Amino acid sequence: MSPLKRVRFTFLDRLIKEPVIYRMGHDYNVITNIRRADVQEGVGWVILEIEGDVSEIERSLEWVRSLGVRVDPALGDLVEP
């Protein structure tokens, strides 16, 4: 099983309509799973699981940060089966 990391992305209005999570999975060798999300006018957040090689996960997160997305550890508020 590949390493799994849970993060919270916070997007500002200029990035809400951009396919950031799609591009992350497409351009880097990671699998993304949206666990929770909320988008309102001007801001949005996503709780995301990222699976893959540790170096690819970190490279993908650096790219996301370079876009201006805030990346924090996901603590609590996950929907579990």
PDB file of N, CA and C in Angstrom:
ATOM      1  N   MET A   1       0.844  -1.190   0.000  1.00  0.00           N
ATOM      2  CA  MET A   1       0.000   0.000   0.000  1.00  0.00           C
ATOM      3  C   MET A   1       0.883   1.244   0.000  1.00  0.00           C
ATOM      4  N   SER A   2       0.531   2.210  -0.821  1.00  0.00           N
ATOM      5  CA  SER A   2       1.287   3.460  -0.912  1.00  0.00           C
ATOM      6  C   SER A   2       1.025   4.340   0.298  1.00  0.00           C
ATOM      7  N   PRO A   3       1.980   5.205   0.625  1.00  0.00           N
ATOM      8  CA  PRO A   3       1.754   6.168   1.706  1.00  0.00           C
ATOM      9  C   PRO A   3       0.533   7.046   1.414  1.00  0.00           C
ATOM     10  N   LEU A   4      -0.152   7.449   2.465  1.00  0.00           N
ATOM     11  CA  LEU A   4      -1.353   8.265   2.363  1.00  0.00           C
ATOM     12  C   LEU A   4      -1.167   9.515   3.206  1.00  0.00           C
ATOM     13  N   LYS A   5      -1.519  10.654   2.639  1.00  0.00           N
ATOM     14  CA  LYS A   5      -1.431  11.916   3.375  1.00  0.00           C
ATOM     15  C   LYS A   5      -2.788  12.601   3.280  1.00  0.00           C
ATOM     16  N   ARG A   6      -3.243  13.159   4.396  1.00  0.00           N
ATOM     17  CA  ARG A   6      -4.505  13.906   4.419  1.00  0.00           C
ATOM     18  C   ARG A   6      -4.196  15.375   4.636  1.00  0.00           C
ATOM     19  N   VAL A   7      -4.737  16.196   3.744  1.00  0.00           N
ATOM     20  CA  VAL A   7      -4.480  17.632   3.804  1.00  0.00           C
ATOM     21  C   VAL A   7      -5.772  18.410   3.604  1.00  0.00           C
ATOM     22  N   ARG A   8      -5.705  19.662   3.993  1.00  0.00           N
ATOM     23  CA  ARG A   8      -6.811  20.597   3.758  1.00  0.00           C
ATOM     24  C   ARG A   8      -6.285  21.695   2.848  1.00  0.00           C
ATOM     25  N   PHE A   9      -6.936  21.876   1.707  1.00  0.00           N
ATOM     26  CA  PHE A   9      -6.618  22.960   0.787  1.00  0.00           C
ATOM     27  C   PHE A   9      -7.622  24.077   1.015  1.00  0.00           C
ATOM     28  N   THR A  10      -7.138  25.313   1.052  1.00  0.00           N
ATOM     29  CA  THR A  10      -8.012  26.479   1.089  1.00  0.00           C
ATOM     30  C   THR A  10      -7.721  27.301  -0.152  1.00  0.00           C
ATOM     31  N   PHE A  11      -8.754  27.505  -0.966  1.00  0.00           N
ATOM     32  CA  PHE A  11      -8.638  28.211  -2.236  1.00  0.00           C
ATOM     33  C   PHE A  11      -9.238  29.603  -2.118  1.00  0.00           C
ATOM     34  N   LEU A  12      -8.588  30.577  -2.696  1.00  0.00           N
ATOM     35  CA  LEU A  12      -9.180  31.900  -2.823  1.00  0.00           C
ATOM     36  C   LEU A  12      -9.957  31.962  -4.130  1.00  0.00           C
ATOM     37  N   ASP A  13     -10.748  33.017  -4.303  1.00  0.00           N
ATOM     38  CA  ASP A  13     -11.685  33.107  -5.420  1.00  0.00           C
ATOM     39  C   ASP A  13     -11.065  32.882  -6.796  1.00  0.00           C
ATOM     40  N   ARG A  14      -9.854  33.332  -7.022  1.00  0.00           N
ATOM     41  CA  ARG A  14      -9.275  33.201  -8.367  1.00  0.00           C
ATOM     42  C   ARG A  14      -8.946  31.752  -8.727  1.00  0.00           C
ATOM     43  N   LEU A  15      -8.889  30.863  -7.745  1.00  0.00           N
ATOM     44  CA  LEU A  15      -8.547  29.461  -8.002  1.00  0.00           C
ATOM     45  C   LEU A  15      -9.726  28.502  -7.882  1.00  0.00           C
ATOM     46  N   ILE A  16     -10.869  28.980  -7.431  1.00  0.00           N
ATOM     47  CA  ILE A  16     -12.004  28.095  -7.175  1.00  0.00           C
ATOM     48  C   ILE A  16     -12.428  27.333  -8.428  1.00  0.00           C
ATOM     49  N   LYS A  17     -12.403  27.983  -9.578  1.00  0.00           N
ATOM     50  CA  LYS A  17     -12.865  27.341 -10.813  1.00  0.00           C
ATOM     51  C   LYS A  17     -11.755  26.635 -11.580  1.00  0.00           C
ATOM     52  N   GLU A  18     -10.543  26.643 -11.046  1.00  0.00           N
ATOM     53  CA  GLU A  18      -9.415  25.977 -11.713  1.00  0.00           C
ATOM     54  C   GLU A  18      -9.373  24.490 -11.335  1.00  0.00           C
ATOM     55  N   PRO A  19      -9.021  23.610 -12.272  1.00  0.00           N
ATOM     56  CA  PRO A  19      -8.983  22.167 -11.990  1.00  0.00           C
ATOM     57  C   PRO A  19      -7.697  21.737 -11.282  1.00  0.00           C
ATOM     58  N   VAL A  20      -7.434  22.322 -10.134  1.00  0.00           N
ATOM     59  CA  VAL A  20      -6.178  22.095  -9.414  1.00  0.00           C
ATOM     60  C   VAL A  20      -6.025  20.628  -9.008  1.00  0.00           C
ATOM     61  N   ILE A  21      -7.054  20.039  -8.442  1.00  0.00           N
ATOM     62  CA  ILE A  21      -6.951  18.656  -7.969  1.00  0.00           C
ATOM     63  C   ILE A  21      -6.822  17.696  -9.149  1.00  0.00           C
ATOM     64  N   TYR A  22      -7.553  17.947 -10.221  1.00  0.00           N
ATOM     65  CA  TYR A  22      -7.404  17.119 -11.419  1.00  0.00           C
ATOM     66  C   TYR A  22      -5.969  17.180 -11.933  1.00  0.00           C
ATOM     67  N   ARG A  23      -5.438  18.388 -12.078  1.00  0.00           N
ATOM     68  CA  ARG A  23      -4.072  18.549 -12.591  1.00  0.00           C
ATOM     69  C   ARG A  23      -3.050  17.907 -11.665  1.00  0.00           C
ATOM     70  N   MET A  24      -3.298  17.965 -10.378  1.00  0.00           N
ATOM     71  CA  MET A  24      -2.389  17.342  -9.413  1.00  0.00           C
ATOM     72  C   MET A  24      -2.289  15.837  -9.675  1.00  0.00           C
ATOM     73  N   GLY A  25      -3.425  15.183  -9.858  1.00  0.00           N
ATOM     74  CA  GLY A  25      -3.428  13.753 -10.132  1.00  0.00           C
ATOM     75  C   GLY A  25      -2.920  13.413 -11.519  1.00  0.00           C
ATOM     76  N   HIS A  26      -3.159  14.296 -12.471  1.00  0.00           N
ATOM     77  CA  HIS A  26      -2.748  14.061 -13.857  1.00  0.00           C
ATOM     78  C   HIS A  26      -1.259  14.302 -14.061  1.00  0.00           C
ATOM     79  N   ASP A  27      -0.736  15.375 -13.487  1.00  0.00           N
ATOM     80  CA  ASP A  27       0.653  15.781 -13.726  1.00  0.00           C
ATOM     81  C   ASP A  27       1.659  15.114 -12.788  1.00  0.00           C
ATOM     82  N   TYR A  28       1.184  14.605 -11.668  1.00  0.00           N
ATOM     83  CA  TYR A  28       2.055  13.937 -10.696  1.00  0.00           C
ATOM     84  C   TYR A  28       1.528  12.521 -10.502  1.00  0.00           C
ATOM     85  N   ASN A  29       2.351  11.640 -10.080  1.00  0.00           N
ATOM     86  CA  ASN A  29       1.958  10.242  -9.924  1.00  0.00           C
ATOM     87  C   ASN A  29       1.320  10.031  -8.548  1.00  0.00           C
ATOM     88  N   VAL A  30       0.158  10.680  -8.344  1.00  0.00           N
ATOM     89  CA  VAL A  30      -0.573  10.560  -7.085  1.00  0.00           C
ATOM     90  C   VAL A  30      -2.042  10.279  -7.378  1.00  0.00           C
ATOM     91  N   ILE A  31      -2.692   9.656  -6.417  1.00  0.00           N
ATOM     92  CA  ILE A  31      -4.128   9.408  -6.483  1.00  0.00           C
ATOM     93  C   ILE A  31      -4.780  10.320  -5.458  1.00  0.00           C
ATOM     94  N   THR A  32      -5.805  11.061  -5.884  1.00  0.00           N
ATOM     95  CA  THR A  32      -6.489  11.983  -4.974  1.00  0.00           C
ATOM     96  C   THR A  32      -7.894  11.469  -4.675  1.00  0.00           C
ATOM     97  N   ASN A  33      -8.336  11.726  -3.456  1.00  0.00           N
ATOM     98  CA  ASN A  33      -9.667  11.346  -3.026  1.00  0.00           C
ATOM     99  C   ASN A  33     -10.232  12.493  -2.189  1.00  0.00           C
ATOM    100  N   ILE A  34     -11.257  13.150  -2.708  1.00  0.00           N
ATOM    101  CA  ILE A  34     -11.891  14.249  -1.975  1.00  0.00           C
ATOM    102  C   ILE A  34     -12.781  13.644  -0.897  1.00  0.00           C
ATOM    103  N   ARG A  35     -12.503  13.988   0.355  1.00  0.00           N
ATOM    104  CA  ARG A  35     -13.266  13.456   1.484  1.00  0.00           C
ATOM    105  C   ARG A  35     -14.357  14.405   1.949  1.00  0.00           C
ATOM    106  N   ARG A  36     -14.100  15.691   1.763  1.00  0.00           N
ATOM    107  CA  ARG A  36     -15.060  16.710   2.178  1.00  0.00           C
ATOM    108  C   ARG A  36     -14.707  17.996   1.475  1.00  0.00           C
ATOM    109  N   ALA A  37     -15.707  18.827   1.194  1.00  0.00           N
ATOM    110  CA  ALA A  37     -15.425  20.091   0.522  1.00  0.00           C
ATOM    111  C   ALA A  37     -16.571  21.070   0.749  1.00  0.00           C
ATOM    112  N   ASP A  38     -16.240  22.347   0.611  1.00  0.00           N
ATOM    113  CA  ASP A  38     -17.236  23.411   0.676  1.00  0.00           C
ATOM    114  C   ASP A  38     -16.722  24.569  -0.157  1.00  0.00           C
ATOM    115  N   VAL A  39     -17.581  25.064  -1.033  1.00  0.00           N
ATOM    116  CA  VAL A  39     -17.225  26.214  -1.860  1.00  0.00           C
ATOM    117  C   VAL A  39     -18.303  27.264  -1.688  1.00  0.00           C
ATOM    118  N   GLN A  40     -17.868  28.462  -1.348  1.00  0.00           N
ATOM    119  CA  GLN A  40     -18.772  29.594  -1.241  1.00  0.00           C
ATOM    120  C   GLN A  40     -18.178  30.719  -2.062  1.00  0.00           C
ATOM    121  N   GLU A  41     -18.922  31.782  -2.214  1.00  0.00           N
ATOM    122  CA  GLU A  41     -18.409  32.898  -2.999  1.00  0.00           C
ATOM    123  C   GLU A  41     -17.134  33.439  -2.362  1.00  0.00           C
ATOM    124  N   GLY A  42     -16.059  33.397  -3.129  1.00  0.00           N
ATOM    125  CA  GLY A  42     -14.810  33.983  -2.678  1.00  0.00           C
ATOM    126  C   GLY A  42     -13.830  33.050  -1.997  1.00  0.00           C
ATOM    127  N   VAL A  43     -14.302  31.880  -1.547  1.00  0.00           N
ATOM    128  CA  VAL A  43     -13.387  30.960  -0.857  1.00  0.00           C
ATOM    129  C   VAL A  43     -13.936  29.532  -0.933  1.00  0.00           C
ATOM    130  N   GLY A  44     -13.030  28.584  -0.914  1.00  0.00           N
ATOM    131  CA  GLY A  44     -13.429  27.180  -0.890  1.00  0.00           C
ATOM    132  C   GLY A  44     -12.376  26.366  -0.168  1.00  0.00           C
ATOM    133  N   TRP A  45     -12.781  25.228   0.383  1.00  0.00           N
ATOM    134  CA  TRP A  45     -11.816  24.339   1.020  1.00  0.00           C
ATOM    135  C   TRP A  45     -12.144  22.898   0.664  1.00  0.00           C
ATOM    136  N   VAL A  46     -11.119  22.071   0.715  1.00  0.00           N
ATOM    137  CA  VAL A  46     -11.240  20.654   0.388  1.00  0.00           C
ATOM    138  C   VAL A  46     -10.393  19.854   1.377  1.00  0.00           C
ATOM    139  N   ILE A  47     -10.960  18.797   1.929  1.00  0.00           N
ATOM    140  CA  ILE A  47     -10.186  17.814   2.679  1.00  0.00           C
ATOM    141  C   ILE A  47      -9.868  16.706   1.679  1.00  0.00           C
ATOM    142  N   LEU A  48      -8.587  16.444   1.503  1.00  0.00           N
ATOM    143  CA  LEU A  48      -8.134  15.574   0.430  1.00  0.00           C
ATOM    144  C   LEU A  48      -7.194  14.499   0.961  1.00  0.00           C
ATOM    145  N   GLU A  49      -7.391  13.269   0.509  1.00  0.00           N
ATOM    146  CA  GLU A  49      -6.418  12.211   0.740  1.00  0.00           C
ATOM    147  C   GLU A  49      -5.561  12.107  -0.510  1.00  0.00           C
ATOM    148  N   ILE A  50      -4.263  12.018  -0.318  1.00  0.00           N
ATOM    149  CA  ILE A  50      -3.335  11.882  -1.436  1.00  0.00           C
ATOM    150  C   ILE A  50      -2.525  10.618  -1.199  1.00  0.00           C
ATOM    151  N   GLU A  51      -2.531   9.743  -2.194  1.00  0.00           N
ATOM    152  CA  GLU A  51      -1.814   8.477  -2.086  1.00  0.00           C
ATOM    153  C   GLU A  51      -0.755   8.408  -3.171  1.00  0.00           C
ATOM    154  N   GLY A  52       0.417   7.907  -2.824  1.00  0.00           N
ATOM    155  CA  GLY A  52       1.493   7.741  -3.792  1.00  0.00           C
ATOM    156  C   GLY A  52       2.837   7.726  -3.105  1.00  0.00           C
ATOM    157  N   ASP A  53       3.877   7.759  -3.906  1.00  0.00           N
ATOM    158  CA  ASP A  53       5.232   7.821  -3.384  1.00  0.00           C
ATOM    159  C   ASP A  53       5.413   9.124  -2.603  1.00  0.00           C
ATOM    160  N   VAL A  54       6.096   9.060  -1.481  1.00  0.00           N
ATOM    161  CA  VAL A  54       6.274  10.237  -0.620  1.00  0.00           C
ATOM    162  C   VAL A  54       6.845  11.417  -1.399  1.00  0.00           C
ATOM    163  N   SER A  55       7.832  11.175  -2.246  1.00  0.00           N
ATOM    164  CA  SER A  55       8.446  12.281  -2.997  1.00  0.00           C
ATOM    165  C   SER A  55       7.462  12.892  -3.991  1.00  0.00           C
ATOM    166  N   GLU A  56       6.606  12.070  -4.608  1.00  0.00           N
ATOM    167  CA  GLU A  56       5.609  12.603  -5.547  1.00  0.00           C
ATOM    168  C   GLU A  56       4.534  13.389  -4.808  1.00  0.00           C
ATOM    169  N   ILE A  57       4.135  12.909  -3.644  1.00  0.00           N
ATOM    170  CA  ILE A  57       3.159  13.652  -2.841  1.00  0.00           C
ATOM    171  C   ILE A  57       3.728  15.026  -2.502  1.00  0.00           C
ATOM    172  N   GLU A  58       4.961  15.066  -2.032  1.00  0.00           N
ATOM    173  CA  GLU A  58       5.570  16.346  -1.656  1.00  0.00           C
ATOM    174  C   GLU A  58       5.748  17.266  -2.861  1.00  0.00           C
ATOM    175  N   ARG A  59       6.158  16.703  -4.010  1.00  0.00           N
ATOM    176  CA  ARG A  59       6.295  17.525  -5.229  1.00  0.00           C
ATOM    177  C   ARG A  59       4.946  18.118  -5.639  1.00  0.00           C
ATOM    178  N   SER A  60       3.896  17.311  -5.559  1.00  0.00           N
ATOM    179  CA  SER A  60       2.570  17.799  -5.940  1.00  0.00           C
ATOM    180  C   SER A  60       2.095  18.889  -4.982  1.00  0.00           C
ATOM    181  N   LEU A  61       2.372  18.734  -3.687  1.00  0.00           N
ATOM    182  CA  LEU A  61       1.964  19.754  -2.717  1.00  0.00           C
ATOM    183  C   LEU A  61       2.751  21.049  -2.903  1.00  0.00           C
ATOM    184  N   GLU A  62       4.016  20.950  -3.247  1.00  0.00           N
ATOM    185  CA  GLU A  62       4.804  22.159  -3.534  1.00  0.00           C
ATOM    186  C   GLU A  62       4.216  22.899  -4.728  1.00  0.00           C
ATOM    187  N   TRP A  63       3.815  22.165  -5.751  1.00  0.00           N
ATOM    188  CA  TRP A  63       3.195  22.784  -6.925  1.00  0.00           C
ATOM    189  C   TRP A  63       1.892  23.490  -6.529  1.00  0.00           C
ATOM    190  N   VAL A  64       1.059  22.825  -5.719  1.00  0.00           N
ATOM    191  CA  VAL A  64      -0.206  23.419  -5.281  1.00  0.00           C
ATOM    192  C   VAL A  64       0.061  24.702  -4.491  1.00  0.00           C
ATOM    193  N   ARG A  65       1.029  24.666  -3.595  1.00  0.00           N
ATOM    194  CA  ARG A  65       1.380  25.873  -2.825  1.00  0.00           C
ATOM    195  C   ARG A  65       1.853  26.995  -3.750  1.00  0.00           C
ATOM    196  N   SER A  66       2.594  26.639  -4.805  1.00  0.00           N
ATOM    197  CA  SER A  66       3.106  27.657  -5.727  1.00  0.00           C
ATOM    198  C   SER A  66       1.980  28.387  -6.454  1.00  0.00           C
ATOM    199  N   LEU A  67       0.807  27.764  -6.529  1.00  0.00           N
ATOM    200  CA  LEU A  67      -0.353  28.409  -7.145  1.00  0.00           C
ATOM    201  C   LEU A  67      -1.020  29.408  -6.210  1.00  0.00           C
ATOM    202  N   GLY A  68      -0.716  29.302  -4.919  1.00  0.00           N
ATOM    203  CA  GLY A  68      -1.339  30.175  -3.934  1.00  0.00           C
ATOM    204  C   GLY A  68      -2.387  29.490  -3.083  1.00  0.00           C
ATOM    205  N   VAL A  69      -2.475  28.170  -3.187  1.00  0.00           N
ATOM    206  CA  VAL A  69      -3.403  27.407  -2.352  1.00  0.00           C
ATOM    207  C   VAL A  69      -2.757  27.205  -0.983  1.00  0.00           C
ATOM    208  N   ARG A  70      -3.538  27.444   0.059  1.00  0.00           N
ATOM    209  CA  ARG A  70      -3.036  27.167   1.412  1.00  0.00           C
ATOM    210  C   ARG A  70      -3.180  25.670   1.670  1.00  0.00           C
ATOM    211  N   VAL A  71      -2.122  25.043   2.155  1.00  0.00           N
ATOM    212  CA  VAL A  71      -2.115  23.603   2.426  1.00  0.00           C
ATOM    213  C   VAL A  71      -1.824  23.397   3.910  1.00  0.00           C
ATOM    214  N   ASP A  72      -2.766  22.743   4.605  1.00  0.00           N
ATOM    215  CA  ASP A  72      -2.623  22.448   6.031  1.00  0.00           C
ATOM    216  C   ASP A  72      -2.891  20.964   6.263  1.00  0.00           C
ATOM    217  N   PRO A  73      -2.374  20.410   7.359  1.00  0.00           N
ATOM    218  CA  PRO A  73      -2.730  19.026   7.699  1.00  0.00           C
ATOM    219  C   PRO A  73      -4.236  18.934   7.947  1.00  0.00           C
ATOM    220  N   ALA A  74      -4.852  17.835   7.548  1.00  0.00           N
ATOM    221  CA  ALA A  74      -6.279  17.618   7.805  1.00  0.00           C
ATOM    222  C   ALA A  74      -6.413  16.959   9.167  1.00  0.00           C
ATOM    223  N   LEU A  75      -7.043  17.657  10.074  1.00  0.00           N
ATOM    224  CA  LEU A  75      -7.245  17.146  11.429  1.00  0.00           C
ATOM    225  C   LEU A  75      -8.737  17.055  11.702  1.00  0.00           C
ATOM    226  N   GLY A  76      -9.181  15.915  12.174  1.00  0.00           N
ATOM    227  CA  GLY A  76     -10.594  15.772  12.502  1.00  0.00           C
ATOM    228  C   GLY A  76     -11.469  15.803  11.271  1.00  0.00           C
ATOM    229  N   ASP A  77     -12.595  16.341  11.350  1.00  0.00           N
ATOM    230  CA  ASP A  77     -13.697  16.480  10.402  1.00  0.00           C
ATOM    231  C   ASP A  77     -13.607  15.686   9.098  1.00  0.00           C
ATOM    232  N   LEU A  78     -13.224  14.405   9.194  1.00  0.00           N
ATOM    233  CA  LEU A  78     -13.264  13.520   8.033  1.00  0.00           C
ATOM    234  C   LEU A  78     -14.497  12.638   8.135  1.00  0.00           C
ATOM    235  N   VAL A  79     -15.133  12.392   7.017  1.00  0.00           N
ATOM    236  CA  VAL A  79     -16.271  11.490   6.982  1.00  0.00           C
ATOM    237  C   VAL A  79     -15.719  10.077   6.855  1.00  0.00           C
ATOM    238  N   GLU A  80     -15.956   9.262   7.850  1.00  0.00           N
ATOM    239  CA  GLU A  80     -15.474   7.877   7.849  1.00  0.00           C
ATOM    240  C   GLU A  80     -16.667   6.941   7.716  1.00  0.00           C
ATOM    241  N   PRO A  81     -16.500   5.834   6.983  1.00  0.00           N
ATOM    242  CA  PRO A  81     -17.615   4.870   6.836  1.00  0.00           C
ATOM    243  C   PRO A  81     -17.932   4.179   8.145  1.00  0.00           C
TER     244      PRO A  81
END
